Amino acid sequence: MLILSEDLFLSDVKIGHNGGVCTVTATRPDGTGDAQCNITSVLSDGDIAFQGLFPVAARQVGGVTRAVPAGDFEAAITGGTGRYRTARGFMHGHPVDDRTTRVEVHVIR
């Protein structure tokens, strides 16, 4: 199981934070696998909830073996609150390195 807690930035400006839980659902001998993730992003105008299956890999990060994104991924918007209460769409993630992932959120309200 993976626990996520991260700040969200637009360029260099902090716009919110997110938290989530991922359950590893598959592991392979090469150290890769899949994780089913539920993530909520908290923004000033409301929250956006995401769900999806992410590719992961075991890597040494800061001397500890961690599961990190192993490639691009997409997750569905499954709900929201406030300004995002009728949101639908998806998130596309692209790992930059083992500590940073660039995320684009495509919201239809």
C-alpha atoms as a PDB file:
ATOM      1  CA  MET A   1       0.000   0.000   0.000  1.00  0.00           C
ATOM      2  CA  LEU A   2       1.237   3.495  -0.846  1.00  0.00           C
ATOM      3  CA  ILE A   3       0.189   6.651   0.976  1.00  0.00           C
ATOM      4  CA  LEU A   4       0.459   9.973  -0.907  1.00  0.00           C
ATOM      5  CA  SER A   5       0.548  13.502   0.474  1.00  0.00           C
ATOM      6  CA  GLU A   6       1.843  16.230  -1.824  1.00  0.00           C
ATOM      7  CA  ASP A   7       1.669  19.946  -2.477  1.00  0.00           C
ATOM      8  CA  LEU A   8       0.265  21.023  -5.851  1.00  0.00           C
ATOM      9  CA  PHE A   9       1.898  23.804  -7.866  1.00  0.00           C
ATOM     10  CA  LEU A  10       1.002  25.769 -10.973  1.00  0.00           C
ATOM     11  CA  SER A  11       4.411  26.950 -12.177  1.00  0.00           C
ATOM     12  CA  ASP A  12       6.026  28.038  -8.879  1.00  0.00           C
ATOM     13  CA  VAL A  13       2.774  28.962  -7.090  1.00  0.00           C
ATOM     14  CA  LYS A  14       1.278  26.513  -4.593  1.00  0.00           C
ATOM     15  CA  ILE A  15      -2.401  26.024  -5.489  1.00  0.00           C
ATOM     16  CA  GLY A  16      -3.368  23.214  -3.122  1.00  0.00           C
ATOM     17  CA  HIS A  17      -2.459  19.763  -1.932  1.00  0.00           C
ATOM     18  CA  ASN A  18      -3.547  16.198  -2.457  1.00  0.00           C
ATOM     19  CA  GLY A  19      -3.654  12.954  -0.604  1.00  0.00           C
ATOM     20  CA  GLY A  20      -4.376   9.428  -1.617  1.00  0.00           C
ATOM     21  CA  VAL A  21      -4.058   5.734  -1.089  1.00  0.00           C
ATOM     22  CA  CYS A  22      -2.780   3.247  -3.655  1.00  0.00           C
ATOM     23  CA  THR A  23      -3.016  -0.504  -3.329  1.00  0.00           C
ATOM     24  CA  VAL A  24      -0.468  -2.519  -5.291  1.00  0.00           C
ATOM     25  CA  THR A  25      -2.503  -5.011  -7.305  1.00  0.00           C
ATOM     26  CA  ALA A  26       0.207  -6.682  -9.401  1.00  0.00           C
ATOM     27  CA  THR A  27       3.943  -7.232  -9.125  1.00  0.00           C
ATOM     28  CA  ARG A  28       6.268  -8.711 -11.714  1.00  0.00           C
ATOM     29  CA  PRO A  29       9.757 -10.251 -11.430  1.00  0.00           C
ATOM     30  CA  ASP A  30      11.347  -7.187 -13.107  1.00  0.00           C
ATOM     31  CA  GLY A  31      10.242  -4.939 -10.211  1.00  0.00           C
ATOM     32  CA  THR A  32       7.307  -3.338 -12.025  1.00  0.00           C
ATOM     33  CA  GLY A  33       3.653  -3.606 -11.167  1.00  0.00           C
ATOM     34  CA  ASP A  34       0.290  -1.877 -10.987  1.00  0.00           C
ATOM     35  CA  ALA A  35      -1.343   0.155  -8.229  1.00  0.00           C
ATOM     36  CA  GLN A  36      -5.032   1.051  -7.939  1.00  0.00           C
ATOM     37  CA  CYS A  37      -5.103   4.652  -6.625  1.00  0.00           C
ATOM     38  CA  ASN A  38      -7.758   6.914  -5.113  1.00  0.00           C
ATOM     39  CA  ILE A  39      -6.531  10.520  -4.845  1.00  0.00           C
ATOM     40  CA  THR A  40      -8.237  13.751  -3.747  1.00  0.00           C
ATOM     41  CA  SER A  41      -6.848  17.155  -4.752  1.00  0.00           C
ATOM     42  CA  VAL A  42      -7.813  20.002  -2.415  1.00  0.00           C
ATOM     43  CA  LEU A  43      -7.980  23.407  -4.137  1.00  0.00           C
ATOM     44  CA  SER A  44      -9.266  26.786  -2.941  1.00  0.00           C
ATOM     45  CA  ASP A  45     -12.607  26.399  -4.784  1.00  0.00           C
ATOM     46  CA  GLY A  46     -13.259  22.736  -3.898  1.00  0.00           C
ATOM     47  CA  ASP A  47     -11.928  19.213  -4.166  1.00  0.00           C
ATOM     48  CA  ILE A  48     -11.471  16.893  -7.156  1.00  0.00           C
ATOM     49  CA  ALA A  49     -11.409  13.091  -6.696  1.00  0.00           C
ATOM     50  CA  PHE A  50      -9.505  10.766  -9.053  1.00  0.00           C
ATOM     51  CA  GLN A  51      -9.296   6.993  -9.476  1.00  0.00           C
ATOM     52  CA  GLY A  52      -7.144   4.856 -11.732  1.00  0.00           C
ATOM     53  CA  LEU A  53      -4.646   2.051 -12.240  1.00  0.00           C
ATOM     54  CA  PHE A  54      -1.065   3.377 -12.283  1.00  0.00           C
ATOM     55  CA  PRO A  55       2.105   1.601 -13.484  1.00  0.00           C
ATOM     56  CA  VAL A  56       4.701   1.469 -10.690  1.00  0.00           C
ATOM     57  CA  ALA A  57       8.277   0.279 -10.248  1.00  0.00           C
ATOM     58  CA  ALA A  58      10.446  -0.425  -7.201  1.00  0.00           C
ATOM     59  CA  ARG A  59      13.279   2.119  -6.990  1.00  0.00           C
ATOM     60  CA  GLN A  60      15.836   3.253  -4.420  1.00  0.00           C
ATOM     61  CA  VAL A  61      14.842   6.796  -3.356  1.00  0.00           C
ATOM     62  CA  GLY A  62      16.860   8.349  -0.543  1.00  0.00           C
ATOM     63  CA  GLY A  63      18.230   4.943   0.473  1.00  0.00           C
ATOM     64  CA  VAL A  64      14.754   3.382   0.767  1.00  0.00           C
ATOM     65  CA  THR A  65      13.012   1.116  -1.744  1.00  0.00           C
ATOM     66  CA  ARG A  66       9.798   2.836  -2.862  1.00  0.00           C
ATOM     67  CA  ALA A  67       7.145   2.298  -5.491  1.00  0.00           C
ATOM     68  CA  VAL A  68       7.316   5.180  -7.974  1.00  0.00           C
ATOM     69  CA  PRO A  69       5.387   5.873 -11.201  1.00  0.00           C
ATOM     70  CA  ALA A  70       6.839   3.709 -13.976  1.00  0.00           C
ATOM     71  CA  GLY A  71       5.431   5.601 -16.924  1.00  0.00           C
ATOM     72  CA  ASP A  72       2.657   7.886 -18.052  1.00  0.00           C
ATOM     73  CA  PHE A  73      -0.763   7.231 -16.553  1.00  0.00           C
ATOM     74  CA  GLU A  74      -4.328   8.466 -16.648  1.00  0.00           C
ATOM     75  CA  ALA A  75      -6.979   8.524 -13.964  1.00  0.00           C
ATOM     76  CA  ALA A  76     -10.678   9.355 -14.181  1.00  0.00           C
ATOM     77  CA  ILE A  77     -12.258  12.247 -12.304  1.00  0.00           C
ATOM     78  CA  THR A  78     -14.829  10.465 -10.148  1.00  0.00           C
ATOM     79  CA  GLY A  79     -16.324  13.444  -8.320  1.00  0.00           C
ATOM     80  CA  GLY A  80     -15.799  16.788  -6.730  1.00  0.00           C
ATOM     81  CA  THR A  81     -17.020  19.412  -4.285  1.00  0.00           C
ATOM     82  CA  GLY A  82     -17.602  23.162  -4.440  1.00  0.00           C
ATOM     83  CA  ARG A  83     -16.807  24.578  -7.867  1.00  0.00           C
ATOM     84  CA  TYR A  84     -15.985  21.026  -9.035  1.00  0.00           C
ATOM     85  CA  ARG A  85     -19.159  19.301  -7.773  1.00  0.00           C
ATOM     86  CA  THR A  86     -20.235  18.400 -11.342  1.00  0.00           C
ATOM     87  CA  ALA A  87     -16.712  17.810 -12.655  1.00  0.00           C
ATOM     88  CA  ARG A  88     -15.847  15.012 -14.997  1.00  0.00           C
ATOM     89  CA  GLY A  89     -12.783  14.405 -17.091  1.00  0.00           C
ATOM     90  CA  PHE A  90      -9.352  12.919 -16.453  1.00  0.00           C
ATOM     91  CA  MET A  91      -5.838  13.472 -15.158  1.00  0.00           C
ATOM     92  CA  HIS A  92      -2.755  12.645 -17.229  1.00  0.00           C
ATOM     93  CA  GLY A  93       0.507  12.119 -15.342  1.00  0.00           C
ATOM     94  CA  HIS A  94       4.060  12.063 -16.652  1.00  0.00           C
ATOM     95  CA  PRO A  95       6.916  11.151 -14.262  1.00  0.00           C
ATOM     96  CA  VAL A  96       9.778  13.649 -14.537  1.00  0.00           C
ATOM     97  CA  ASP A  97      11.993  11.747 -12.072  1.00  0.00           C
ATOM     98  CA  ASP A  98      11.526   9.493  -9.023  1.00  0.00           C
ATOM     99  CA  ARG A  99      10.345  12.465  -6.911  1.00  0.00           C
ATOM    100  CA  THR A 100       8.399  14.611  -9.398  1.00  0.00           C
ATOM    101  CA  THR A 101       5.412  13.940 -11.648  1.00  0.00           C
ATOM    102  CA  ARG A 102       3.981  16.530 -14.030  1.00  0.00           C
ATOM    103  CA  VAL A 103       0.179  16.318 -14.025  1.00  0.00           C
ATOM    104  CA  GLU A 104      -2.369  17.832 -16.393  1.00  0.00           C
ATOM    105  CA  VAL A 105      -6.003  17.810 -15.300  1.00  0.00           C
ATOM    106  CA  HIS A 106      -8.684  18.019 -17.991  1.00  0.00           C
ATOM    107  CA  VAL A 107     -11.934  19.113 -16.289  1.00  0.00           C
ATOM    108  CA  ILE A 108     -15.369  19.412 -17.859  1.00  0.00           C
ATOM    109  CA  ARG A 109     -17.919  21.102 -15.603  1.00  0.00           C
END
